[in-house]
Protein backbone atom coordinates (compact mmCIF):
# COMPACT_ATOMS: atom_id res chain seq x y z
CA MET A 1 102.32 107.47 102.85
CA VAL A 2 99.11 106.16 101.37
CA GLY A 3 95.77 107.60 102.42
CA GLN A 4 92.15 108.13 101.56
CA SER A 5 90.53 110.90 103.57
CA LYS A 6 86.93 110.98 104.76
CA SER A 7 87.83 111.84 108.35
CA ASP A 8 85.12 112.50 110.92
CA ALA A 9 86.35 113.94 114.22
CA ARG A 10 83.68 111.97 116.09
CA ARG A 11 85.07 108.59 115.00
CA PRO A 12 87.68 106.81 117.15
CA VAL A 13 91.11 106.24 115.62
CA ALA A 14 93.20 103.07 115.73
CA LEU A 15 96.87 102.44 114.87
CA VAL A 16 97.47 98.90 113.59
CA THR A 17 101.02 97.79 112.87
CA GLY A 18 101.88 95.04 110.41
CA ALA A 19 98.66 95.51 108.46
CA SER A 20 99.73 94.58 104.93
CA ARG A 21 98.57 90.99 105.39
CA GLY A 22 97.50 88.39 107.91
CA ILE A 23 96.13 89.23 111.34
CA GLY A 24 96.99 92.91 111.05
CA ARG A 25 95.09 93.35 107.81
CA ALA A 26 92.04 91.42 109.04
CA SER A 27 91.98 93.33 112.33
CA ALA A 28 92.29 96.71 110.63
CA ILE A 29 89.39 95.96 108.30
CA ASP A 30 87.25 94.72 111.20
CA LEU A 31 87.99 97.86 113.21
CA ALA A 32 87.04 100.00 110.20
CA GLU A 33 83.75 98.15 109.93
CA ALA A 34 83.23 98.80 113.65
CA GLY A 35 83.50 102.56 113.13
CA PHE A 36 87.20 103.33 113.55
CA ASP A 37 89.37 105.44 111.29
CA LEU A 38 92.74 103.78 110.75
CA VAL A 39 96.44 104.41 110.61
CA ILE A 40 98.09 101.25 109.31
CA THR A 41 101.77 100.40 108.99
CA ALA A 42 103.91 97.87 107.16
CA ARG A 43 107.14 97.72 105.18
CA THR A 44 105.42 96.75 101.94
CA GLU A 45 103.78 99.74 100.29
CA ARG A 46 102.68 98.32 96.92
CA GLU A 47 101.25 94.97 95.88
CA GLY A 48 103.94 92.67 94.53
CA ASP A 49 106.79 94.32 96.46
CA GLY A 50 106.52 92.12 99.56
CA ARG A 51 109.45 89.76 100.12
CA SER A 52 110.08 87.17 102.82
CA ASP A 53 113.29 87.75 104.79
CA THR A 54 113.60 84.05 105.57
CA ASP A 55 112.53 82.29 102.33
CA ASP A 56 115.06 83.47 99.73
CA GLY A 57 113.09 86.56 98.80
CA LEU A 58 109.79 84.74 98.25
CA VAL A 59 107.18 87.17 96.93
CA LEU A 60 104.37 87.67 99.41
CA PRO A 61 100.84 88.92 98.77
CA GLY A 62 99.58 92.00 100.58
CA SER A 63 100.54 95.65 100.91
CA LEU A 64 99.60 98.92 102.53
CA GLU A 65 98.04 99.84 99.21
CA SER A 66 95.64 96.88 99.11
CA THR A 67 94.71 97.09 102.79
CA THR A 68 94.08 100.83 102.43
CA THR A 69 91.72 100.13 99.54
CA ALA A 70 89.82 97.51 101.56
CA ILE A 71 89.47 99.83 104.54
CA ALA A 72 88.34 102.77 102.41
CA ALA A 73 85.61 100.54 100.96
CA THR A 74 84.04 100.38 104.44
CA GLY A 75 83.67 104.17 104.48
CA ALA A 76 86.46 104.70 107.02
CA ASP A 77 89.29 107.18 106.69
CA VAL A 78 92.69 105.51 106.42
CA LEU A 79 96.34 106.52 106.37
CA GLY A 80 99.04 104.02 105.38
CA VAL A 81 102.54 104.68 106.73
CA ARG A 82 105.64 102.68 105.83
CA MET A 83 107.28 101.44 109.03
CA ASP A 84 110.31 99.22 109.69
CA LEU A 85 110.55 97.78 113.21
CA LEU A 86 114.36 98.01 113.08
CA ASP A 87 114.23 101.72 112.22
CA ARG A 88 113.25 103.52 115.41
CA ALA A 89 112.73 106.81 113.56
CA SER A 90 110.12 105.18 111.31
CA VAL A 91 108.43 103.55 114.31
CA LEU A 92 108.05 106.82 116.17
CA GLY A 93 107.29 108.60 112.89
CA ALA A 94 104.21 106.41 112.42
CA VAL A 95 102.89 107.52 115.80
CA GLU A 96 103.55 111.16 114.96
CA ALA A 97 101.86 110.77 111.56
CA ALA A 98 98.76 109.44 113.34
CA TYR A 99 98.58 112.41 115.69
CA GLU A 100 99.31 114.86 112.90
CA ARG A 101 96.47 113.43 110.81
CA TYR A 102 93.86 112.93 113.52
CA GLY A 103 95.09 114.61 116.70
CA ARG A 104 94.31 111.45 118.69
CA LEU A 105 94.74 107.70 119.02
CA ASP A 106 92.07 105.73 120.83
CA LEU A 107 93.54 102.29 120.18
CA VAL A 108 96.93 100.80 119.36
CA LEU A 109 97.28 97.23 118.09
CA ASN A 110 100.92 96.13 118.34
CA ASN A 111 100.78 93.33 115.79
CA ALA A 112 103.91 93.71 113.64
CA VAL A 113 106.91 91.46 114.33
CA TYR A 114 110.46 91.19 113.03
CA GLN A 115 110.73 88.39 110.46
CA GLY A 116 114.45 88.07 109.70
CA ARG A 117 117.25 85.80 110.91
CA GLY A 118 117.68 85.10 114.59
CA GLY A 119 114.17 84.06 115.50
CA MET A 120 113.68 80.53 114.25
CA GLU A 121 117.18 79.01 114.20
CA LEU A 122 118.18 76.13 116.43
CA ILE A 123 120.14 77.16 119.53
CA ALA A 124 123.51 76.29 117.99
CA ASP A 125 122.77 78.35 114.89
CA ILE A 126 121.46 81.63 116.37
CA PRO A 127 123.56 84.56 115.13
CA ASP A 128 124.28 87.11 117.84
CA ASP A 129 123.45 90.06 115.58
CA GLY A 130 120.25 88.33 114.47
CA LEU A 131 119.13 87.75 118.04
CA ALA A 132 119.70 91.42 118.81
CA LYS A 133 117.47 92.34 115.85
CA VAL A 134 114.74 89.97 117.06
CA ILE A 135 114.68 91.66 120.47
CA GLU A 136 114.73 95.12 118.89
CA GLY A 137 111.95 94.28 116.44
CA ASN A 138 109.73 92.29 118.81
CA VAL A 139 110.17 94.14 122.10
CA PHE A 140 111.88 97.53 121.95
CA ALA A 141 110.00 98.83 118.89
CA GLN A 142 106.62 97.97 120.42
CA LEU A 143 107.64 99.45 123.75
CA ALA A 144 108.65 102.66 121.96
CA ILE A 145 105.13 102.92 120.52
CA VAL A 146 103.56 102.28 123.92
CA ARG A 147 105.71 104.92 125.58
CA ALA A 148 104.92 107.43 122.85
CA VAL A 149 101.14 107.05 123.10
CA LEU A 150 100.53 106.47 126.81
CA PRO A 151 100.89 110.06 128.06
CA ARG A 152 98.75 111.38 125.22
CA MET A 153 96.06 108.77 125.80
CA VAL A 154 95.99 109.63 129.49
CA ALA A 155 95.74 113.34 128.69
CA ALA A 156 92.82 112.58 126.34
CA GLY A 157 90.94 110.64 129.00
CA GLY A 158 91.94 107.08 128.16
CA GLY A 159 92.59 104.56 125.40
CA THR A 160 93.17 100.91 124.56
CA ILE A 161 96.45 99.09 123.89
CA ILE A 162 96.33 95.56 122.49
CA ASN A 163 99.57 93.58 122.27
CA MET A 164 99.67 90.53 119.99
CA ILE A 165 101.66 88.02 122.01
CA SER A 166 102.35 84.34 121.33
CA SER A 167 102.11 81.11 123.26
CA THR A 168 105.69 80.47 122.13
CA GLY A 169 106.61 82.77 125.01
CA TYR A 170 105.17 80.42 127.63
CA VAL A 171 104.46 77.01 126.00
CA ASP A 172 107.08 74.39 125.17
CA PRO A 173 107.36 73.58 121.45
CA PRO A 174 106.14 70.16 120.31
CA ALA A 175 109.24 69.67 118.16
CA PRO A 176 112.43 71.50 117.14
CA SER A 177 112.22 74.51 114.88
CA GLY A 178 111.81 73.32 111.31
CA SER A 179 109.81 70.29 112.39
CA GLY A 180 106.73 72.03 113.72
CA GLY A 181 108.28 73.91 116.63
CA TRP A 182 109.80 77.36 117.04
CA GLY A 183 113.15 78.90 117.76
CA LEU A 184 114.59 80.20 121.02
CA GLY A 185 115.10 83.74 119.71
CA TYR A 186 111.46 84.23 118.82
CA ALA A 187 110.26 82.59 122.04
CA MET A 188 112.56 84.81 124.14
CA SER A 189 111.29 87.95 122.44
CA LYS A 190 107.65 87.01 122.85
CA ALA A 191 108.17 86.09 126.51
CA ALA A 192 109.60 89.57 127.13
CA PHE A 193 106.90 91.29 125.08
CA GLY A 194 104.22 89.45 127.04
CA ARG A 195 105.20 91.27 130.22
CA ILE A 196 104.34 94.72 128.83
CA THR A 197 100.54 94.43 129.13
CA PRO A 198 100.33 93.54 132.83
CA ILE A 199 102.76 96.32 133.74
CA ILE A 200 100.73 98.84 131.72
CA HIS A 201 97.67 97.65 133.62
CA VAL A 202 99.31 98.04 137.02
CA GLU A 203 100.62 101.52 136.24
CA TYR A 204 97.84 102.98 134.07
CA ALA A 205 94.51 101.20 134.65
CA GLU A 206 93.34 103.87 137.06
CA ARG A 207 94.22 106.53 134.47
CA GLY A 208 91.84 105.18 131.86
CA ILE A 209 94.07 102.78 129.92
CA ARG A 210 92.64 99.41 128.86
CA ALA A 211 95.48 96.98 128.09
CA PHE A 212 95.16 93.45 126.72
CA SER A 213 97.47 90.71 125.50
CA VAL A 214 96.03 88.61 122.69
CA ASP A 215 97.26 85.09 122.01
CA PRO A 216 95.98 84.23 118.51
CA GLY A 217 96.99 80.58 118.57
CA PHE A 218 97.94 78.89 115.32
CA THR A 219 96.62 81.09 112.53
CA LEU A 220 97.19 80.20 108.89
CA THR A 221 98.26 83.37 107.07
CA GLU A 222 99.15 84.27 103.52
CA LYS A 223 102.86 84.08 104.33
CA MET A 224 102.58 80.58 105.77
CA ILE A 225 100.65 79.42 102.72
CA ALA A 226 103.10 81.03 100.28
CA SER A 227 106.15 79.55 102.02
CA GLY A 228 104.59 76.11 102.47
CA ARG A 229 105.46 76.27 106.17
CA GLY A 230 101.88 75.85 107.31
CA ASP A 231 101.96 72.09 106.72
CA GLN A 232 104.62 71.46 109.37
CA TYR A 233 102.57 73.22 112.04
CA MET A 234 99.34 71.53 111.02
CA GLN A 235 100.95 68.27 112.12
CA HIS A 236 100.51 69.54 115.67
CA PHE A 237 97.85 72.31 115.62
CA ALA A 238 94.49 73.05 114.00
CA PRO A 239 94.50 76.51 112.38
CA ALA A 240 92.29 79.52 112.55
CA THR A 241 92.23 82.23 109.87
CA PRO A 242 93.21 85.89 110.30
CA GLU A 243 89.54 86.84 110.12
CA VAL A 244 88.90 84.85 113.30
CA ILE A 245 91.49 86.86 115.21
CA GLY A 246 90.15 90.10 113.72
CA LYS A 247 86.80 89.40 115.36
CA ALA A 248 88.50 89.04 118.74
CA ILE A 249 90.29 92.37 118.29
CA ARG A 250 87.04 94.07 117.33
CA TRP A 251 85.34 92.64 120.43
CA LEU A 252 88.09 93.89 122.74
CA ALA A 253 87.96 97.32 121.13
CA THR A 254 84.21 97.81 121.27
CA ASP A 255 82.55 95.68 123.97
CA PRO A 256 82.70 96.81 127.64
CA ALA A 257 82.30 93.13 128.56
CA ALA A 258 85.92 92.67 127.50
CA ASP A 259 87.03 94.68 130.52
CA GLU A 260 87.14 91.48 132.58
CA TYR A 261 90.37 90.72 130.67
CA ARG A 262 92.10 94.04 131.30
CA GLY A 263 95.77 93.38 131.99
CA LYS A 264 95.39 89.71 131.07
CA VAL A 265 95.92 87.29 128.18
CA VAL A 266 92.95 86.81 125.86
CA ILE A 267 92.90 83.47 124.04
CA ALA A 268 91.47 84.81 120.79
CA GLN A 269 90.14 81.62 119.24
CA ARG A 270 88.42 80.58 122.46
CA GLU A 271 86.64 83.93 122.86
CA VAL A 272 85.47 84.01 119.25
CA ALA A 273 84.02 80.53 119.58
CA LYS A 274 82.51 81.05 123.05
CA ARG A 275 80.86 84.36 122.16
CA GLY A 276 79.81 83.47 118.62
CA LEU A 277 81.72 86.41 117.17
CA LEU A 278 82.11 84.70 113.78
CA PRO A 279 79.04 82.66 112.81
CA GLY A 280 79.94 79.17 111.66
CA TRP A 281 83.34 79.12 113.30
CA PRO A 282 84.74 76.83 114.44
CA PRO A 283 83.24 73.96 112.48
CA PRO A 284 82.45 71.25 115.04
CA ARG A 285 84.53 68.11 115.17
CA PRO A 286 83.21 64.71 116.24
CA ASN A 287 83.22 64.13 120.01
CA ARG A 288 84.41 67.69 120.75
CA SER A 289 82.45 70.72 121.81
CA PRO A 290 82.14 73.60 119.30
CA VAL A 291 84.10 75.89 121.64
CA ASP A 292 87.08 73.52 121.89
CA SER A 293 87.07 72.05 118.40
CA GLN A 294 89.57 74.44 116.88
CA VAL A 295 90.88 76.42 119.83
CA SER A 296 94.55 75.64 119.40
CA PRO A 297 97.75 76.89 120.97
CA GLY A 298 100.81 77.23 118.85
CA PRO A 299 102.87 79.91 117.18
CA ALA A 300 101.55 83.36 116.44
CA ALA A 301 101.34 83.20 112.70
CA ASN A 302 102.05 86.86 112.06
CA SER A 303 105.69 85.89 112.25
CA LEU A 304 106.07 82.35 110.93
C-alpha cells in the first residue's frame, strides 16, 4: 500500500479503481481537488512497472505511486492499494482497507476493467477461458465492490456509486475489432455491467444511494497512445482526453443538479460541453455547435 496521510474526518472519501492512468487517474485528481480524500487502486504500484496484457508486454506509463503523489499535491489524504480484478480477495481487500483507514466511503467510482485476452478477439478467436476472465473482471469484480459498500453506505445515511460503462454495450461497432471496432467479449461484459446502475437505483434510491452510469465516449488515454491503437479509432471517432471525463465525474459527485440523472446513463462529453465544466473544451468545429463538436460515442478507452 502507498499512502500519504493528512486525513480530516470532515472530508468525504472516494474509492477510485483503475487509477494508475487514464480516466481513473484524472477522476481521482479532480475529486481530490473538489475536497475528497482518496483510496485508489491499480495493479501497477511503481512507475515503469506497468505492462500491457495485450501488446506483448508493452511498458505503460502511470502507477499508484505517481497518482498518489499528484493527489497529495492537492492537499488531500490518499491511500494507494494494489488490486487485481481477477483476484476477488484483493478486490474486497481494497474496500476493507478504505474502511479501515477512514471508517467510511462516500463515493465509489468503478472504473477499472480487465485488459487481457478474451475481450477484443473476433468471434471465431475468443478463448473460452479468456471470456470467463472478461466477465469476472468487468462484471463480477465490480458487483462485489457494490455489494460490499451498499449496506455500509445505507447505514451511514447515503452515498454515491458511479459505474464507468461503455457504448460498446449498446452501440454496434463501425468495423470489426482491429479495424476500429471492438470485440464481442468486451461488449458482452459492458452490456451486463450497464444493468447494475438502474437496479441499484430501483432498490436503493429511497435509502440515500445516488447511482450513475457514465459513458465516456472515445477517450484517448496513455495506453492507447503507447500502443498506437488510438489511430484506428480516430478513423471513426473524435477523442476526448481523460481530463474531460474527470470533470464529469467531479460534477456528478458534487453538484445536486446531477440528481436528474440518478439511475441513468450520463454521456460524459456532452455534459462537460453543455455545462462548461472544462473551459475551452471542446474546440468548435466548422458548421457544428460547440456542444456537439466533439461529443463522440465509441469505446470506453480505459480498456482499449
